Amino acid sequence: MAIVRRTMENIRRMKRRVNRAKIAATTEADIRRHMREDGQSQSVLAEFAPVTPPQVLRKQLHMTQTEFAKALRIPLATLRNWEQGRVLPDPAARSLLTIVVRNPRAAFRALAA
């Protein structure tokens, strides 16, 4: 594969491939219709649960990075990597963060045992 070098000016002159107006005009009903046409179930969206970013969660609990990492029983470096966006929490860590969001006292009590 060849490396293509382009200047910023060349990039700006290129024809855009994404029709932003069409995306902005797409409604939730359109999305549901497209999902039915593609054979996807509605439950795919229902199962999606956004994860509270670790930094936001930690600040809501009024904890320092050191305290939060110790309470979660993870290395401080791991927490810092999550907070700085270098690494995303893996599925198990996301589950742990979700439990802490829903019931921090019970989660920390269970982790301390």
C-alpha atoms as a PDB file:
ATOM      1  CA  MET A   1       0.000   0.000   0.000  1.00  0.00           C
ATOM      2  CA  ALA A   2       1.447   3.346  -1.044  1.00  0.00           C
ATOM      3  CA  ILE A   3       1.652   6.290   1.317  1.00  0.00           C
ATOM      4  CA  VAL A   4      -0.195   9.298  -0.053  1.00  0.00           C
ATOM      5  CA  ARG A   5       0.968  12.680   1.128  1.00  0.00           C
ATOM      6  CA  ARG A   6      -1.484  15.548   0.953  1.00  0.00           C
ATOM      7  CA  THR A   7      -1.308  19.129   2.046  1.00  0.00           C
ATOM      8  CA  MET A   8      -4.035  20.644   4.179  1.00  0.00           C
ATOM      9  CA  GLU A   9      -5.083  22.721   1.166  1.00  0.00           C
ATOM     10  CA  ASN A  10      -5.524  19.550  -0.946  1.00  0.00           C
ATOM     11  CA  ILE A  11      -7.602  17.962   1.773  1.00  0.00           C
ATOM     12  CA  ARG A  12      -9.863  21.019   2.024  1.00  0.00           C
ATOM     13  CA  ARG A  13     -10.436  21.011  -1.751  1.00  0.00           C
ATOM     14  CA  MET A  14     -11.448  17.351  -1.814  1.00  0.00           C
ATOM     15  CA  LYS A  15     -15.124  16.540  -2.283  1.00  0.00           C
ATOM     16  CA  ARG A  16     -16.738  15.564   0.998  1.00  0.00           C
ATOM     17  CA  ARG A  17     -18.056  12.033   1.151  1.00  0.00           C
ATOM     18  CA  VAL A  18     -20.472  12.581   4.017  1.00  0.00           C
ATOM     19  CA  ASN A  19     -23.755  14.400   3.495  1.00  0.00           C
ATOM     20  CA  ARG A  20     -24.121  16.133   6.865  1.00  0.00           C
ATOM     21  CA  ALA A  21     -27.517  17.611   5.957  1.00  0.00           C
ATOM     22  CA  LYS A  22     -28.894  14.130   5.301  1.00  0.00           C
ATOM     23  CA  ILE A  23     -27.527  12.878   8.624  1.00  0.00           C
ATOM     24  CA  ALA A  24     -29.014  15.843  10.492  1.00  0.00           C
ATOM     25  CA  ALA A  25     -32.394  15.242   8.826  1.00  0.00           C
ATOM     26  CA  THR A  26     -32.523  11.572   9.887  1.00  0.00           C
ATOM     27  CA  THR A  27     -35.173  11.004  12.531  1.00  0.00           C
ATOM     28  CA  GLU A  28     -35.482   8.296  15.167  1.00  0.00           C
ATOM     29  CA  ALA A  29     -38.331   6.797  13.112  1.00  0.00           C
ATOM     30  CA  ASP A  30     -35.969   6.576  10.112  1.00  0.00           C
ATOM     31  CA  ILE A  31     -33.376   4.811  12.239  1.00  0.00           C
ATOM     32  CA  ARG A  32     -35.928   2.284  13.527  1.00  0.00           C
ATOM     33  CA  ARG A  33     -37.165   1.665   9.949  1.00  0.00           C
ATOM     34  CA  HIS A  34     -33.589   1.126   8.737  1.00  0.00           C
ATOM     35  CA  MET A  35     -32.983  -1.316  11.574  1.00  0.00           C
ATOM     36  CA  ARG A  36     -36.095  -3.323  10.627  1.00  0.00           C
ATOM     37  CA  GLU A  37     -35.006  -3.333   6.972  1.00  0.00           C
ATOM     38  CA  ASP A  38     -31.528  -4.539   7.978  1.00  0.00           C
ATOM     39  CA  GLY A  39     -32.947  -7.305  10.172  1.00  0.00           C
ATOM     40  CA  GLN A  40     -31.769  -5.782  13.458  1.00  0.00           C
ATOM     41  CA  SER A  41     -34.016  -5.976  16.478  1.00  0.00           C
ATOM     42  CA  GLN A  42     -35.117  -2.947  18.459  1.00  0.00           C
ATOM     43  CA  SER A  43     -33.636  -4.499  21.590  1.00  0.00           C
ATOM     44  CA  VAL A  44     -30.100  -3.719  20.361  1.00  0.00           C
ATOM     45  CA  LEU A  45     -30.614  -0.079  21.328  1.00  0.00           C
ATOM     46  CA  ALA A  46     -32.479  -0.989  24.523  1.00  0.00           C
ATOM     47  CA  GLU A  47     -29.503  -3.034  25.728  1.00  0.00           C
ATOM     48  CA  PHE A  48     -27.095  -0.137  25.275  1.00  0.00           C
ATOM     49  CA  ALA A  49     -26.214   1.540  28.544  1.00  0.00           C
ATOM     50  CA  PRO A  50     -23.762   4.419  28.533  1.00  0.00           C
ATOM     51  CA  VAL A  51     -20.906   4.131  31.004  1.00  0.00           C
ATOM     52  CA  THR A  52     -20.152   7.069  33.265  1.00  0.00           C
ATOM     53  CA  PRO A  53     -16.555   8.151  32.600  1.00  0.00           C
ATOM     54  CA  PRO A  54     -14.299   7.155  35.511  1.00  0.00           C
ATOM     55  CA  GLN A  55     -13.164  10.740  36.107  1.00  0.00           C
ATOM     56  CA  VAL A  56     -16.753  11.995  36.362  1.00  0.00           C
ATOM     57  CA  LEU A  57     -17.690   9.151  38.696  1.00  0.00           C
ATOM     58  CA  ARG A  58     -14.652   9.737  40.893  1.00  0.00           C
ATOM     59  CA  LYS A  59     -15.403  13.453  41.185  1.00  0.00           C
ATOM     60  CA  GLN A  60     -19.070  12.754  42.007  1.00  0.00           C
ATOM     61  CA  LEU A  61     -17.856  10.561  44.865  1.00  0.00           C
ATOM     62  CA  HIS A  62     -15.419  13.292  46.013  1.00  0.00           C
ATOM     63  CA  MET A  63     -12.446  10.929  45.880  1.00  0.00           C
ATOM     64  CA  THR A  64      -8.853  11.433  44.828  1.00  0.00           C
ATOM     65  CA  GLN A  65      -7.345   9.236  42.119  1.00  0.00           C
ATOM     66  CA  THR A  66      -5.420   7.309  44.749  1.00  0.00           C
ATOM     67  CA  GLU A  67      -8.505   6.714  46.918  1.00  0.00           C
ATOM     68  CA  PHE A  68     -10.652   5.690  43.953  1.00  0.00           C
ATOM     69  CA  ALA A  69      -8.035   3.295  42.538  1.00  0.00           C
ATOM     70  CA  LYS A  70      -7.541   1.722  45.960  1.00  0.00           C
ATOM     71  CA  ALA A  71     -11.315   1.356  46.462  1.00  0.00           C
ATOM     72  CA  LEU A  72     -11.666  -0.322  43.044  1.00  0.00           C
ATOM     73  CA  ARG A  73      -8.576  -2.450  43.724  1.00  0.00           C
ATOM     74  CA  ILE A  74      -6.901  -1.396  40.480  1.00  0.00           C
ATOM     75  CA  PRO A  75      -3.471   0.125  39.849  1.00  0.00           C
ATOM     76  CA  LEU A  76      -3.365   3.912  39.989  1.00  0.00           C
ATOM     77  CA  ALA A  77      -1.745   3.933  36.526  1.00  0.00           C
ATOM     78  CA  THR A  78      -4.759   2.076  35.096  1.00  0.00           C
ATOM     79  CA  LEU A  79      -7.163   4.667  36.486  1.00  0.00           C
ATOM     80  CA  ARG A  80      -5.025   7.484  35.109  1.00  0.00           C
ATOM     81  CA  ASN A  81      -4.942   5.826  31.682  1.00  0.00           C
ATOM     82  CA  TRP A  82      -8.746   5.548  31.722  1.00  0.00           C
ATOM     83  CA  GLU A  83      -9.206   9.155  32.798  1.00  0.00           C
ATOM     84  CA  GLN A  84      -6.769  10.504  30.213  1.00  0.00           C
ATOM     85  CA  GLY A  85      -8.360   8.450  27.426  1.00  0.00           C
ATOM     86  CA  ARG A  86      -5.234   6.451  26.636  1.00  0.00           C
ATOM     87  CA  VAL A  87      -7.023   3.176  27.351  1.00  0.00           C
ATOM     88  CA  LEU A  88     -10.725   2.356  27.566  1.00  0.00           C
ATOM     89  CA  PRO A  89     -11.954   0.185  30.434  1.00  0.00           C
ATOM     90  CA  ASP A  90     -12.461  -3.427  29.323  1.00  0.00           C
ATOM     91  CA  PRO A  91     -15.948  -5.007  29.601  1.00  0.00           C
ATOM     92  CA  ALA A  92     -15.346  -6.297  33.138  1.00  0.00           C
ATOM     93  CA  ALA A  93     -14.130  -2.872  34.278  1.00  0.00           C
ATOM     94  CA  ARG A  94     -17.125  -1.193  32.614  1.00  0.00           C
ATOM     95  CA  SER A  95     -19.399  -3.563  34.540  1.00  0.00           C
ATOM     96  CA  LEU A  96     -17.612  -2.685  37.767  1.00  0.00           C
ATOM     97  CA  LEU A  97     -17.984   1.040  37.072  1.00  0.00           C
ATOM     98  CA  THR A  98     -21.701   0.540  36.353  1.00  0.00           C
ATOM     99  CA  ILE A  99     -22.132  -1.206  39.701  1.00  0.00           C
ATOM    100  CA  VAL A 100     -20.306   1.637  41.455  1.00  0.00           C
ATOM    101  CA  VAL A 101     -22.552   4.196  39.720  1.00  0.00           C
ATOM    102  CA  ARG A 102     -25.706   2.402  40.881  1.00  0.00           C
ATOM    103  CA  ASN A 103     -24.665   1.633  44.449  1.00  0.00           C
ATOM    104  CA  PRO A 104     -21.225   2.930  45.473  1.00  0.00           C
ATOM    105  CA  ARG A 105     -21.458   1.931  49.144  1.00  0.00           C
ATOM    106  CA  ALA A 106     -22.374  -1.677  48.396  1.00  0.00           C
ATOM    107  CA  ALA A 107     -19.743  -1.922  45.650  1.00  0.00           C
ATOM    108  CA  PHE A 108     -16.938  -0.554  47.827  1.00  0.00           C
ATOM    109  CA  ARG A 109     -18.064  -2.679  50.792  1.00  0.00           C
ATOM    110  CA  ALA A 110     -17.964  -5.818  48.615  1.00  0.00           C
ATOM    111  CA  LEU A 111     -14.575  -4.906  47.195  1.00  0.00           C
ATOM    112  CA  ALA A 112     -13.145  -4.242  50.655  1.00  0.00           C
ATOM    113  CA  ALA A 113     -14.117  -7.695  51.929  1.00  0.00           C
END
